[in-house]
Amino acid sequence: MNERIRELYYECQDESQSTEQCYQKFAELIVQECIDIVKPTEHHEVWAEDYVGGLEGLELLDNRVAKLKEHFGVE
């Protein structure tokens, strides 16, 4: 298992949570980690015109991140 996945697994462990709650939290942590990797940063927003796709590409990426959050129910 990837070390980061192991860290996320241990992060969701809480004795007061049921197994189902732990699984849900673990899944949410994985999805959020993926979103954090692909979402644009302030650097991208400032320099968007210099990237392939420019502002339109940045907007498309923002829309894809929003779609991921909606699909998986992550805020």
N, C-alpha and C. Protein backbone atom coordinates (compact mmCIF):
# COMPACT_ATOMS: atom_id res chain seq x y z
N MET A 1 0.84 -1.17 0.00
CA MET A 1 0.00 0.00 0.00
C MET A 1 0.89 1.24 0.00
N ASN A 2 0.49 2.21 -0.77
CA ASN A 2 1.19 3.49 -0.82
C ASN A 2 1.21 4.13 0.57
N GLU A 3 2.32 4.74 0.93
CA GLU A 3 2.47 5.33 2.26
C GLU A 3 1.41 6.42 2.51
N ARG A 4 1.09 7.21 1.50
CA ARG A 4 0.10 8.28 1.69
C ARG A 4 -1.27 7.68 1.97
N ILE A 5 -1.62 6.60 1.28
CA ILE A 5 -2.91 5.94 1.53
C ILE A 5 -2.94 5.40 2.96
N ARG A 6 -1.84 4.86 3.39
CA ARG A 6 -1.74 4.36 4.77
C ARG A 6 -1.96 5.51 5.76
N GLU A 7 -1.35 6.65 5.49
CA GLU A 7 -1.52 7.81 6.36
C GLU A 7 -2.98 8.26 6.41
N LEU A 8 -3.64 8.28 5.25
CA LEU A 8 -5.04 8.67 5.20
C LEU A 8 -5.91 7.67 5.97
N TYR A 9 -5.56 6.39 5.85
CA TYR A 9 -6.31 5.36 6.56
C TYR A 9 -6.22 5.59 8.07
N TYR A 10 -5.03 5.84 8.56
CA TYR A 10 -4.86 6.06 9.99
C TYR A 10 -5.49 7.38 10.44
N GLU A 11 -5.56 8.33 9.54
CA GLU A 11 -6.17 9.62 9.86
C GLU A 11 -7.68 9.46 10.11
N CYS A 12 -8.30 8.51 9.44
CA CYS A 12 -9.75 8.34 9.59
C CYS A 12 -10.10 7.47 10.79
N GLN A 13 -9.12 6.86 11.43
CA GLN A 13 -9.37 5.99 12.57
C GLN A 13 -9.78 6.82 13.79
N ASP A 14 -10.91 6.46 14.35
CA ASP A 14 -11.40 7.12 15.56
C ASP A 14 -12.26 6.10 16.29
N GLU A 15 -11.95 5.84 17.54
CA GLU A 15 -12.65 4.81 18.29
C GLU A 15 -14.14 5.08 18.42
N SER A 16 -14.55 6.33 18.34
CA SER A 16 -15.97 6.66 18.50
C SER A 16 -16.76 6.47 17.19
N GLN A 17 -16.07 6.20 16.09
CA GLN A 17 -16.74 6.02 14.81
C GLN A 17 -17.02 4.55 14.55
N SER A 18 -18.12 4.32 13.83
CA SER A 18 -18.41 2.96 13.40
C SER A 18 -17.51 2.63 12.21
N THR A 19 -17.47 1.36 11.87
CA THR A 19 -16.67 0.93 10.71
C THR A 19 -17.16 1.64 9.46
N GLU A 20 -18.47 1.75 9.30
CA GLU A 20 -19.05 2.42 8.13
C GLU A 20 -18.62 3.89 8.07
N GLN A 21 -18.63 4.58 9.20
CA GLN A 21 -18.20 5.98 9.24
C GLN A 21 -16.72 6.10 8.89
N CYS A 22 -15.93 5.14 9.34
CA CYS A 22 -14.50 5.15 9.03
C CYS A 22 -14.28 4.97 7.53
N TYR A 23 -14.99 4.01 6.93
CA TYR A 23 -14.87 3.80 5.48
C TYR A 23 -15.26 5.05 4.71
N GLN A 24 -16.34 5.70 5.15
CA GLN A 24 -16.79 6.90 4.47
C GLN A 24 -15.74 8.01 4.58
N LYS A 25 -15.21 8.21 5.77
CA LYS A 25 -14.17 9.23 5.98
C LYS A 25 -12.93 8.93 5.15
N PHE A 26 -12.52 7.66 5.10
CA PHE A 26 -11.36 7.25 4.32
C PHE A 26 -11.57 7.57 2.84
N ALA A 27 -12.75 7.25 2.32
CA ALA A 27 -13.05 7.55 0.92
C ALA A 27 -13.03 9.05 0.67
N GLU A 28 -13.61 9.82 1.58
CA GLU A 28 -13.62 11.28 1.43
C GLU A 28 -12.20 11.84 1.43
N LEU A 29 -11.36 11.31 2.29
CA LEU A 29 -9.97 11.78 2.35
C LEU A 29 -9.23 11.48 1.04
N ILE A 30 -9.46 10.31 0.47
CA ILE A 30 -8.81 9.96 -0.80
C ILE A 30 -9.30 10.88 -1.92
N VAL A 31 -10.60 11.08 -2.01
CA VAL A 31 -11.15 11.95 -3.05
C VAL A 31 -10.62 13.37 -2.89
N GLN A 32 -10.61 13.88 -1.65
CA GLN A 32 -10.12 15.24 -1.42
C GLN A 32 -8.64 15.37 -1.78
N GLU A 33 -7.87 14.34 -1.48
CA GLU A 33 -6.45 14.34 -1.84
C GLU A 33 -6.28 14.45 -3.36
N CYS A 34 -7.10 13.70 -4.10
CA CYS A 34 -7.04 13.75 -5.57
C CYS A 34 -7.44 15.13 -6.08
N ILE A 35 -8.48 15.70 -5.51
CA ILE A 35 -8.93 17.03 -5.91
C ILE A 35 -7.83 18.06 -5.63
N ASP A 36 -7.20 17.96 -4.48
CA ASP A 36 -6.13 18.90 -4.13
C ASP A 36 -4.96 18.83 -5.11
N ILE A 37 -4.73 17.66 -5.68
CA ILE A 37 -3.63 17.50 -6.64
C ILE A 37 -3.95 18.18 -7.96
N VAL A 38 -5.20 18.09 -8.42
CA VAL A 38 -5.53 18.61 -9.75
C VAL A 38 -6.10 20.02 -9.77
N LYS A 39 -6.56 20.52 -8.62
CA LYS A 39 -7.18 21.86 -8.66
C LYS A 39 -6.11 22.93 -8.92
N PRO A 40 -6.52 23.97 -9.63
CA PRO A 40 -5.58 25.06 -9.91
C PRO A 40 -5.16 25.78 -8.63
N THR A 41 -3.95 26.27 -8.63
CA THR A 41 -3.44 27.04 -7.50
C THR A 41 -3.50 28.52 -7.85
N GLU A 42 -3.17 29.35 -6.89
CA GLU A 42 -3.12 30.79 -7.16
C GLU A 42 -2.11 31.08 -8.26
N HIS A 43 -1.01 30.34 -8.28
CA HIS A 43 0.01 30.50 -9.32
C HIS A 43 -0.62 30.30 -10.69
N HIS A 44 -1.44 29.26 -10.84
CA HIS A 44 -2.08 28.99 -12.13
C HIS A 44 -3.01 30.13 -12.52
N GLU A 45 -3.73 30.65 -11.54
CA GLU A 45 -4.67 31.73 -11.83
C GLU A 45 -3.94 33.00 -12.27
N VAL A 46 -2.82 33.30 -11.64
CA VAL A 46 -2.06 34.51 -11.98
C VAL A 46 -1.42 34.37 -13.36
N TRP A 47 -0.90 33.18 -13.67
CA TRP A 47 -0.15 32.97 -14.91
C TRP A 47 -0.94 32.17 -15.95
N ALA A 48 -2.26 32.13 -15.84
CA ALA A 48 -3.10 31.30 -16.71
C ALA A 48 -2.85 31.56 -18.19
N GLU A 49 -2.65 32.79 -18.55
CA GLU A 49 -2.47 33.11 -19.97
C GLU A 49 -1.19 32.49 -20.55
N ASP A 50 -0.23 32.16 -19.69
CA ASP A 50 1.02 31.57 -20.14
C ASP A 50 0.94 30.05 -20.30
N TYR A 51 -0.14 29.43 -19.85
CA TYR A 51 -0.29 27.98 -19.92
C TYR A 51 -1.05 27.58 -21.19
N VAL A 52 -0.81 26.36 -21.64
CA VAL A 52 -1.58 25.83 -22.75
C VAL A 52 -3.04 25.82 -22.33
N GLY A 53 -3.90 26.35 -23.14
CA GLY A 53 -5.33 26.43 -22.80
C GLY A 53 -5.71 27.75 -22.18
N GLY A 54 -4.74 28.46 -21.63
CA GLY A 54 -4.98 29.78 -21.07
C GLY A 54 -6.10 29.82 -20.06
N LEU A 55 -6.83 30.91 -20.06
CA LEU A 55 -7.92 31.10 -19.11
C LEU A 55 -9.05 30.09 -19.33
N GLU A 56 -9.29 29.73 -20.59
CA GLU A 56 -10.33 28.74 -20.88
C GLU A 56 -9.95 27.37 -20.31
N GLY A 57 -8.68 27.02 -20.40
CA GLY A 57 -8.22 25.75 -19.83
C GLY A 57 -8.34 25.74 -18.32
N LEU A 58 -8.04 26.86 -17.69
CA LEU A 58 -8.16 26.99 -16.24
C LEU A 58 -9.62 26.87 -15.82
N GLU A 59 -10.50 27.50 -16.57
CA GLU A 59 -11.93 27.42 -16.27
C GLU A 59 -12.43 25.98 -16.44
N LEU A 60 -11.97 25.30 -17.46
CA LEU A 60 -12.34 23.90 -17.68
C LEU A 60 -11.87 23.04 -16.51
N LEU A 61 -10.66 23.26 -16.05
CA LEU A 61 -10.13 22.51 -14.93
C LEU A 61 -10.94 22.79 -13.66
N ASP A 62 -11.28 24.04 -13.42
CA ASP A 62 -12.13 24.39 -12.28
C ASP A 62 -13.47 23.65 -12.35
N ASN A 63 -14.05 23.59 -13.55
CA ASN A 63 -15.32 22.90 -13.73
C ASN A 63 -15.18 21.40 -13.46
N ARG A 64 -14.07 20.81 -13.86
CA ARG A 64 -13.85 19.37 -13.63
C ARG A 64 -13.69 19.10 -12.14
N VAL A 65 -13.01 19.97 -11.43
CA VAL A 65 -12.85 19.81 -9.98
C VAL A 65 -14.23 19.90 -9.32
N ALA A 66 -15.05 20.87 -9.73
CA ALA A 66 -16.40 21.00 -9.18
C ALA A 66 -17.23 19.75 -9.47
N LYS A 67 -17.06 19.19 -10.64
CA LYS A 67 -17.80 17.97 -11.02
C LYS A 67 -17.37 16.79 -10.13
N LEU A 68 -16.07 16.67 -9.87
CA LEU A 68 -15.58 15.62 -8.98
C LEU A 68 -16.18 15.77 -7.57
N LYS A 69 -16.17 17.00 -7.07
CA LYS A 69 -16.73 17.24 -5.73
C LYS A 69 -18.22 16.87 -5.70
N GLU A 70 -18.93 17.27 -6.74
CA GLU A 70 -20.36 16.97 -6.79
C GLU A 70 -20.60 15.46 -6.90
N HIS A 71 -19.85 14.81 -7.76
CA HIS A 71 -20.01 13.36 -7.99
C HIS A 71 -19.78 12.56 -6.73
N PHE A 72 -18.75 12.94 -5.96
CA PHE A 72 -18.41 12.19 -4.76
C PHE A 72 -18.98 12.81 -3.48
N GLY A 73 -19.68 13.94 -3.60
CA GLY A 73 -20.30 14.57 -2.45
C GLY A 73 -19.30 15.15 -1.46
N VAL A 74 -18.21 15.68 -2.00
CA VAL A 74 -17.17 16.28 -1.16
C VAL A 74 -17.29 17.79 -1.25
N GLU A 75 -17.22 18.45 -0.08
CA GLU A 75 -17.33 19.92 -0.08
C GLU A 75 -15.97 20.56 -0.05
